[in-house]
Amino acid sequence: MTAEMPDVLITVDQDSPVPPYEQVRVQLAELVGDGRLPVGSRLPTVRQLAADLRLAANTVARAYRELEAAGLLETRGRNGTFVAPGRDDAVDRLHRVAVEYAAEARRLGVPPDRAVALVRAAVDATRQD
């Protein structure tokens, strides 16, 4: 991919019902979650990754934004985008379970918005205990 992310391969299946930004987001989240992209790893620029994957820059930018909102990435202005520090073990374990859930939802053909709604319903149900 790039010098910043050696031996890391992200692919996008244009025939998949899963939107390209979501494919990129899920794969990057898996790479961060399982440690293949350790804290401090610099990611390619949005433009570079978009060119590598033959995607629009906005597609990659959306994946990066969502990962940043989830606390997995941080953007340091013109210095680039990096795997965020400061995660704790509980969050890492929960993230791994979330990645497995997302993969299973995809395998079963459950649309991402429906899969997220199911998680929200489960979280809401536990609050009522």
Protein backbone atom coordinates (compact mmCIF):
# COMPACT_ATOMS: atom_id res chain seq x y z
CA MET A 1 0.00 0.00 0.00
CA THR A 2 2.44 2.72 1.18
CA ALA A 3 5.62 3.06 3.17
CA GLU A 4 3.57 4.07 6.21
CA MET A 5 1.49 0.88 6.14
CA PRO A 6 3.79 -1.93 4.99
CA ASP A 7 2.29 -5.38 4.39
CA VAL A 8 -1.23 -4.07 4.95
CA LEU A 9 -3.74 -4.76 2.23
CA ILE A 10 -7.14 -3.18 1.93
CA THR A 11 -9.40 -4.25 -0.89
CA VAL A 12 -12.71 -2.95 -2.11
CA ASP A 13 -15.21 -5.22 -3.83
CA GLN A 14 -17.10 -3.01 -6.28
CA ASP A 15 -19.77 -5.74 -6.64
CA SER A 16 -20.49 -5.86 -2.91
CA PRO A 17 -23.75 -4.43 -1.58
CA VAL A 18 -21.63 -2.86 1.21
CA PRO A 19 -20.69 0.72 0.26
CA PRO A 20 -16.98 1.24 -0.49
CA TYR A 21 -16.46 3.67 2.42
CA GLU A 22 -17.85 1.03 4.79
CA GLN A 23 -15.57 -1.64 3.35
CA VAL A 24 -12.57 0.64 3.93
CA ARG A 25 -13.77 1.62 7.41
CA VAL A 26 -14.34 -1.98 8.51
CA GLN A 27 -11.00 -3.20 7.19
CA LEU A 28 -9.07 -0.37 8.82
CA ALA A 29 -10.95 -0.93 12.08
CA GLU A 30 -10.00 -4.62 11.95
CA LEU A 31 -6.35 -3.74 11.31
CA VAL A 32 -6.32 -1.37 14.28
CA GLY A 33 -8.31 -3.73 16.48
CA ASP A 34 -6.06 -6.72 15.99
CA GLY A 35 -2.85 -4.73 16.25
CA ARG A 36 -1.67 -5.04 12.65
CA LEU A 37 -1.83 -1.24 12.67
CA PRO A 38 -0.32 -0.35 16.05
CA VAL A 39 -0.78 2.94 17.89
CA GLY A 40 1.13 5.71 16.15
CA SER A 41 1.08 4.11 12.70
CA ARG A 42 0.74 6.73 10.01
CA LEU A 43 -1.95 6.08 7.44
CA PRO A 44 -1.69 7.15 3.83
CA THR A 45 -3.24 10.46 2.92
CA VAL A 46 -6.86 10.38 1.85
CA ARG A 47 -5.81 11.10 -1.72
CA GLN A 48 -3.13 8.42 -1.75
CA LEU A 49 -5.37 5.69 -0.35
CA ALA A 50 -8.18 6.74 -2.70
CA ALA A 51 -5.79 6.51 -5.66
CA ASP A 52 -4.46 3.13 -4.47
CA LEU A 53 -8.00 1.76 -4.15
CA ARG A 54 -9.35 3.58 -7.22
CA LEU A 55 -11.98 5.36 -5.14
CA ALA A 56 -13.12 8.94 -4.83
CA ALA A 57 -11.25 10.89 -2.17
CA ASN A 58 -14.56 11.65 -0.40
CA THR A 59 -15.12 7.90 0.03
CA VAL A 60 -11.86 7.43 1.91
CA ALA A 61 -12.34 10.71 3.79
CA ARG A 62 -15.68 9.46 5.11
CA ALA A 63 -14.09 6.21 6.35
CA TYR A 64 -11.31 8.18 8.07
CA ARG A 65 -13.83 10.59 9.65
CA GLU A 66 -15.93 7.76 11.05
CA LEU A 67 -12.84 6.01 12.45
CA GLU A 68 -11.71 9.28 14.00
CA ALA A 69 -15.15 9.77 15.57
CA ALA A 70 -14.86 6.25 17.00
CA GLY A 71 -11.51 7.15 18.56
CA LEU A 72 -9.45 4.78 16.42
CA LEU A 73 -7.69 7.42 14.34
CA GLU A 74 -6.51 10.97 14.93
CA THR A 75 -5.70 13.61 12.38
CA ARG A 76 -2.75 15.85 13.16
CA GLY A 77 -3.39 18.57 10.62
CA ARG A 78 -0.88 18.55 7.81
CA ASN A 79 1.17 15.88 9.57
CA GLY A 80 -1.34 13.22 8.58
CA THR A 81 -3.65 10.64 10.06
CA PHE A 82 -2.44 8.18 12.69
CA VAL A 83 -3.74 5.30 14.76
CA ALA A 84 -4.90 6.99 17.95
CA PRO A 85 -3.26 6.38 21.32
CA GLY A 86 -5.04 6.19 24.63
CA ARG A 87 -7.32 3.27 24.03
CA ASP A 88 -7.80 0.98 26.97
CA ASP A 89 -8.00 -2.79 27.05
CA ALA A 90 -11.77 -2.85 27.63
CA VAL A 91 -12.37 -0.65 24.60
CA ASP A 92 -10.00 -2.75 22.49
CA ARG A 93 -11.79 -5.95 23.48
CA LEU A 94 -15.17 -4.40 22.77
CA HIS A 95 -13.90 -3.14 19.44
CA ARG A 96 -12.80 -6.67 18.46
CA VAL A 97 -16.28 -7.98 19.32
CA ALA A 98 -17.84 -5.13 17.31
CA VAL A 99 -15.68 -6.03 14.31
CA GLU A 100 -16.78 -9.65 14.60
CA TYR A 101 -20.42 -8.51 14.85
CA ALA A 102 -20.06 -6.32 11.77
CA ALA A 103 -18.48 -9.18 9.81
CA GLU A 104 -21.28 -11.54 10.84
CA ALA A 105 -23.94 -8.96 9.92
CA ARG A 106 -22.30 -8.54 6.52
CA ARG A 107 -22.10 -12.32 6.06
CA LEU A 108 -25.81 -12.64 6.87
CA GLY A 109 -26.69 -9.81 4.50
CA VAL A 110 -28.00 -7.49 7.21
CA PRO A 111 -27.66 -3.86 6.04
CA PRO A 112 -25.27 -1.73 8.15
CA ASP A 113 -28.01 0.65 9.35
CA ARG A 114 -30.10 -2.30 10.56
CA ALA A 115 -27.11 -3.91 12.30
CA VAL A 116 -26.39 -0.64 14.13
CA ALA A 117 -30.07 -0.31 15.09
CA LEU A 118 -29.93 -3.78 16.64
CA VAL A 119 -26.91 -2.79 18.72
CA ARG A 120 -28.61 0.43 19.85
CA ALA A 121 -31.69 -1.55 20.88
CA ALA A 122 -29.53 -3.98 22.86
CA VAL A 123 -27.69 -1.13 24.60
CA ASP A 124 -30.98 0.58 25.42
CA ALA A 125 -32.39 -2.69 26.81
CA THR A 126 -29.43 -3.08 29.19
CA ARG A 127 -29.92 0.46 30.53
CA GLN A 128 -33.36 -0.48 31.83
CA ASP A 129 -31.98 -3.15 34.19
